[in-house]
Amino acid sequence: MKSEFFPTEYHLEVYQGSFQSDPCFFVQSSTPFGAMSVGDYFHSAATDQWTNPPDMVKERLVIYQIEHIFWSIDRSHNGHKIMVALKTVVV
């Protein structure tokens, strides 16, 4: 059996508060996104869609949860979605 390789689509969805709401930022790429970890700061200038934007003088958005979803569309492409949930913290 011959293996075939298909392109991968990469998706990033960012949520403020929890995954129960709509994402406030999303983007798709043909190349992987850089590594992200729980505890990393997420700069709010990425979008103006925040439901409760932080006061950048004394608050920051911090990644507190990350989920990955993988899928394959037969004979077409693969997918990798990273879902990131943020919370506001005082610095």
N, C-alpha and C. Protein backbone atom coordinates (compact mmCIF):
# COMPACT_ATOMS: atom_id res chain seq x y z
N MET A 1 0.85 -1.19 0.00
CA MET A 1 0.00 0.00 0.00
C MET A 1 0.88 1.24 0.00
N LYS A 2 0.62 2.12 -0.92
CA LYS A 2 1.39 3.35 -1.06
C LYS A 2 0.80 4.45 -0.18
N SER A 3 1.66 5.13 0.58
CA SER A 3 1.20 6.25 1.41
C SER A 3 1.13 7.51 0.58
N GLU A 4 0.11 8.31 0.82
CA GLU A 4 -0.01 9.60 0.16
C GLU A 4 -0.01 10.69 1.22
N PHE A 5 0.61 11.79 0.89
CA PHE A 5 0.65 12.92 1.80
C PHE A 5 -0.21 14.05 1.23
N PHE A 6 -0.98 14.66 2.11
CA PHE A 6 -1.85 15.75 1.70
C PHE A 6 -1.50 17.01 2.48
N PRO A 7 -1.81 18.17 1.94
CA PRO A 7 -1.49 19.41 2.66
C PRO A 7 -2.29 19.50 3.96
N THR A 8 -1.75 20.27 4.88
CA THR A 8 -2.42 20.49 6.16
C THR A 8 -2.84 21.95 6.28
N GLU A 9 -4.08 22.17 6.68
CA GLU A 9 -4.57 23.51 7.00
C GLU A 9 -4.44 23.69 8.50
N TYR A 10 -3.97 24.86 8.91
CA TYR A 10 -3.80 25.16 10.33
C TYR A 10 -4.77 26.29 10.70
N HIS A 11 -5.45 26.12 11.81
CA HIS A 11 -6.43 27.10 12.28
C HIS A 11 -6.10 27.47 13.72
N LEU A 12 -6.26 28.74 14.05
CA LEU A 12 -6.10 29.21 15.42
C LEU A 12 -7.37 29.97 15.79
N GLU A 13 -8.00 29.57 16.89
CA GLU A 13 -9.17 30.27 17.41
C GLU A 13 -8.87 30.70 18.84
N VAL A 14 -9.13 31.97 19.14
CA VAL A 14 -8.85 32.52 20.46
C VAL A 14 -10.17 32.94 21.10
N TYR A 15 -10.37 32.49 22.34
CA TYR A 15 -11.60 32.74 23.08
C TYR A 15 -11.28 33.53 24.34
N GLN A 16 -12.15 34.46 24.67
CA GLN A 16 -11.99 35.20 25.91
C GLN A 16 -12.93 34.61 26.95
N GLY A 17 -12.38 34.06 28.00
CA GLY A 17 -13.18 33.50 29.07
C GLY A 17 -13.33 32.00 28.98
N SER A 18 -14.04 31.50 27.95
CA SER A 18 -14.23 30.06 27.82
C SER A 18 -14.53 29.71 26.37
N PHE A 19 -14.52 28.42 26.09
CA PHE A 19 -14.83 27.94 24.75
C PHE A 19 -16.33 27.96 24.47
N GLN A 20 -17.14 28.37 25.43
CA GLN A 20 -18.59 28.41 25.27
C GLN A 20 -19.04 29.59 24.42
N SER A 21 -18.20 30.62 24.32
CA SER A 21 -18.57 31.81 23.54
C SER A 21 -17.99 31.69 22.13
N ASP A 22 -18.32 32.64 21.28
CA ASP A 22 -17.73 32.70 19.95
C ASP A 22 -16.27 33.14 20.07
N PRO A 23 -15.41 32.69 19.15
CA PRO A 23 -14.03 33.16 19.20
C PRO A 23 -13.96 34.65 18.91
N CYS A 24 -13.05 35.34 19.59
CA CYS A 24 -12.89 36.77 19.34
C CYS A 24 -11.76 37.02 18.33
N PHE A 25 -11.05 35.97 17.98
CA PHE A 25 -9.99 36.09 16.99
C PHE A 25 -9.79 34.72 16.36
N PHE A 26 -9.64 34.69 15.04
CA PHE A 26 -9.33 33.43 14.37
C PHE A 26 -8.55 33.71 13.10
N VAL A 27 -7.72 32.76 12.74
CA VAL A 27 -6.89 32.90 11.54
C VAL A 27 -6.58 31.51 11.01
N GLN A 28 -6.37 31.41 9.71
CA GLN A 28 -6.02 30.15 9.06
C GLN A 28 -4.69 30.33 8.36
N SER A 29 -3.88 29.26 8.30
CA SER A 29 -2.56 29.34 7.70
C SER A 29 -2.22 28.04 6.99
N SER A 30 -1.29 28.11 6.06
CA SER A 30 -0.79 26.90 5.41
C SER A 30 0.46 26.37 6.12
N THR A 31 0.94 27.11 7.11
CA THR A 31 2.10 26.68 7.90
C THR A 31 1.71 26.65 9.38
N PRO A 32 2.38 25.81 10.17
CA PRO A 32 2.02 25.71 11.60
C PRO A 32 2.28 27.01 12.35
N PHE A 33 1.51 27.21 13.41
CA PHE A 33 1.72 28.35 14.30
C PHE A 33 2.83 28.01 15.29
N GLY A 34 3.46 29.02 15.84
CA GLY A 34 4.49 28.80 16.84
C GLY A 34 3.91 28.18 18.10
N ALA A 35 4.80 27.65 18.92
CA ALA A 35 4.37 26.99 20.15
C ALA A 35 3.70 27.99 21.10
N MET A 36 2.65 27.53 21.75
CA MET A 36 1.94 28.30 22.77
C MET A 36 1.80 27.43 23.99
N SER A 37 1.84 28.05 25.16
CA SER A 37 1.74 27.30 26.40
C SER A 37 0.81 28.01 27.36
N VAL A 38 0.19 27.21 28.24
CA VAL A 38 -0.59 27.79 29.33
C VAL A 38 0.35 28.69 30.13
N GLY A 39 -0.13 29.90 30.44
CA GLY A 39 0.68 30.87 31.18
C GLY A 39 1.29 31.94 30.29
N ASP A 40 1.33 31.72 28.97
CA ASP A 40 1.86 32.73 28.05
C ASP A 40 0.93 33.93 28.00
N TYR A 41 1.50 35.12 27.84
CA TYR A 41 0.70 36.31 27.61
C TYR A 41 0.24 36.34 26.15
N PHE A 42 -0.94 36.87 25.91
CA PHE A 42 -1.47 37.05 24.56
C PHE A 42 -1.77 38.53 24.41
N HIS A 43 -1.12 39.17 23.47
CA HIS A 43 -1.27 40.62 23.32
C HIS A 43 -2.63 40.96 22.71
N SER A 44 -3.37 41.83 23.33
CA SER A 44 -4.73 42.14 22.90
C SER A 44 -4.80 42.97 21.63
N ALA A 45 -3.68 43.46 21.13
CA ALA A 45 -3.70 44.25 19.89
C ALA A 45 -3.98 43.37 18.67
N ALA A 46 -4.00 42.05 18.86
CA ALA A 46 -4.25 41.14 17.74
C ALA A 46 -5.62 41.36 17.12
N THR A 47 -6.56 41.88 17.88
CA THR A 47 -7.91 42.09 17.37
C THR A 47 -8.61 43.15 18.20
N ASP A 48 -9.64 43.73 17.65
CA ASP A 48 -10.45 44.69 18.40
C ASP A 48 -11.80 44.07 18.79
N GLN A 49 -11.87 42.74 18.79
CA GLN A 49 -13.12 42.04 19.05
C GLN A 49 -13.29 41.57 20.49
N TRP A 50 -12.50 42.06 21.42
CA TRP A 50 -12.59 41.59 22.80
C TRP A 50 -13.91 42.02 23.41
N THR A 51 -14.55 41.11 24.14
CA THR A 51 -15.80 41.44 24.81
C THR A 51 -15.55 42.32 26.03
N ASN A 52 -14.39 42.16 26.63
CA ASN A 52 -14.00 42.95 27.79
C ASN A 52 -12.50 43.22 27.68
N PRO A 53 -12.08 44.22 26.89
CA PRO A 53 -10.65 44.42 26.65
C PRO A 53 -9.90 44.76 27.94
N PRO A 54 -8.68 44.25 28.08
CA PRO A 54 -7.91 44.55 29.28
C PRO A 54 -7.40 45.98 29.27
N ASP A 55 -7.22 46.54 30.46
CA ASP A 55 -6.54 47.82 30.64
C ASP A 55 -5.05 47.50 30.59
N MET A 56 -4.39 47.76 29.46
CA MET A 56 -3.02 47.32 29.23
C MET A 56 -2.02 47.91 30.23
N VAL A 57 -2.42 48.93 30.97
CA VAL A 57 -1.52 49.49 31.98
C VAL A 57 -1.37 48.54 33.15
N LYS A 58 -2.46 47.87 33.52
CA LYS A 58 -2.41 47.02 34.71
C LYS A 58 -2.93 45.60 34.51
N GLU A 59 -3.37 45.25 33.29
CA GLU A 59 -3.91 43.91 33.04
C GLU A 59 -3.30 43.30 31.79
N ARG A 60 -3.29 41.98 31.75
CA ARG A 60 -2.83 41.24 30.58
C ARG A 60 -3.76 40.06 30.33
N LEU A 61 -3.81 39.62 29.07
CA LEU A 61 -4.52 38.40 28.73
C LEU A 61 -3.52 37.25 28.81
N VAL A 62 -3.92 36.17 29.49
CA VAL A 62 -3.04 35.03 29.70
C VAL A 62 -3.75 33.77 29.21
N ILE A 63 -3.00 32.92 28.51
CA ILE A 63 -3.54 31.63 28.07
C ILE A 63 -3.72 30.74 29.29
N TYR A 64 -4.96 30.23 29.48
CA TYR A 64 -5.17 29.33 30.60
C TYR A 64 -5.65 27.95 30.16
N GLN A 65 -5.99 27.80 28.88
CA GLN A 65 -6.43 26.49 28.39
C GLN A 65 -6.15 26.42 26.89
N ILE A 66 -5.67 25.25 26.45
CA ILE A 66 -5.40 25.01 25.03
C ILE A 66 -5.99 23.65 24.66
N GLU A 67 -6.69 23.62 23.53
CA GLU A 67 -7.21 22.35 23.00
C GLU A 67 -6.79 22.23 21.55
N HIS A 68 -6.51 21.00 21.13
CA HIS A 68 -6.14 20.71 19.75
C HIS A 68 -7.20 19.80 19.13
N ILE A 69 -7.54 20.08 17.88
CA ILE A 69 -8.45 19.23 17.13
C ILE A 69 -7.75 18.88 15.82
N PHE A 70 -7.76 17.59 15.47
CA PHE A 70 -7.15 17.11 14.23
C PHE A 70 -8.21 16.41 13.40
N TRP A 71 -8.12 16.55 12.09
CA TRP A 71 -9.04 15.85 11.21
C TRP A 71 -8.37 15.60 9.87
N SER A 72 -9.00 14.73 9.10
CA SER A 72 -8.52 14.42 7.76
C SER A 72 -9.73 14.35 6.84
N ILE A 73 -9.66 15.05 5.75
CA ILE A 73 -10.68 14.98 4.71
C ILE A 73 -10.13 14.05 3.64
N ASP A 74 -10.77 12.91 3.47
CA ASP A 74 -10.27 11.85 2.60
C ASP A 74 -9.86 12.37 1.23
N ARG A 75 -8.62 12.08 0.87
CA ARG A 75 -8.04 12.41 -0.43
C ARG A 75 -7.99 13.91 -0.70
N SER A 76 -8.06 14.74 0.33
CA SER A 76 -8.06 16.19 0.13
C SER A 76 -7.00 16.89 0.98
N HIS A 77 -7.20 16.90 2.31
CA HIS A 77 -6.27 17.62 3.18
C HIS A 77 -6.43 17.16 4.63
N ASN A 78 -5.51 17.56 5.45
CA ASN A 78 -5.56 17.35 6.89
C ASN A 78 -5.81 18.69 7.55
N GLY A 79 -6.28 18.67 8.78
CA GLY A 79 -6.51 19.90 9.51
C GLY A 79 -6.00 19.81 10.94
N HIS A 80 -5.55 20.94 11.44
CA HIS A 80 -5.13 21.06 12.84
C HIS A 80 -5.63 22.40 13.35
N LYS A 81 -6.55 22.34 14.33
CA LYS A 81 -7.08 23.56 14.94
C LYS A 81 -6.56 23.65 16.37
N ILE A 82 -6.05 24.83 16.72
CA ILE A 82 -5.65 25.12 18.09
C ILE A 82 -6.67 26.11 18.64
N MET A 83 -7.29 25.73 19.75
CA MET A 83 -8.24 26.61 20.42
C MET A 83 -7.59 27.08 21.72
N VAL A 84 -7.53 28.40 21.89
CA VAL A 84 -6.86 29.00 23.04
C VAL A 84 -7.87 29.81 23.83
N ALA A 85 -7.98 29.55 25.13
CA ALA A 85 -8.87 30.33 26.01
C ALA A 85 -8.00 31.25 26.87
N LEU A 86 -8.45 32.50 26.97
CA LEU A 86 -7.71 33.52 27.70
C LEU A 86 -8.47 34.01 28.91
N LYS A 87 -7.73 34.42 29.92
CA LYS A 87 -8.33 35.11 31.06
C LYS A 87 -7.53 36.38 31.31
N THR A 88 -8.15 37.34 31.92
CA THR A 88 -7.49 38.61 32.25
C THR A 88 -6.89 38.51 33.64
N VAL A 89 -5.63 38.92 33.76
CA VAL A 89 -4.97 38.93 35.06
C VAL A 89 -4.37 40.31 35.31
N VAL A 90 -4.27 40.67 36.58
CA VAL A 90 -3.66 41.92 36.99
C VAL A 90 -2.15 41.69 37.11
N VAL A 91 -1.38 42.61 36.54
CA VAL A 91 0.09 42.49 36.61
C VAL A 91 0.69 43.58 37.47
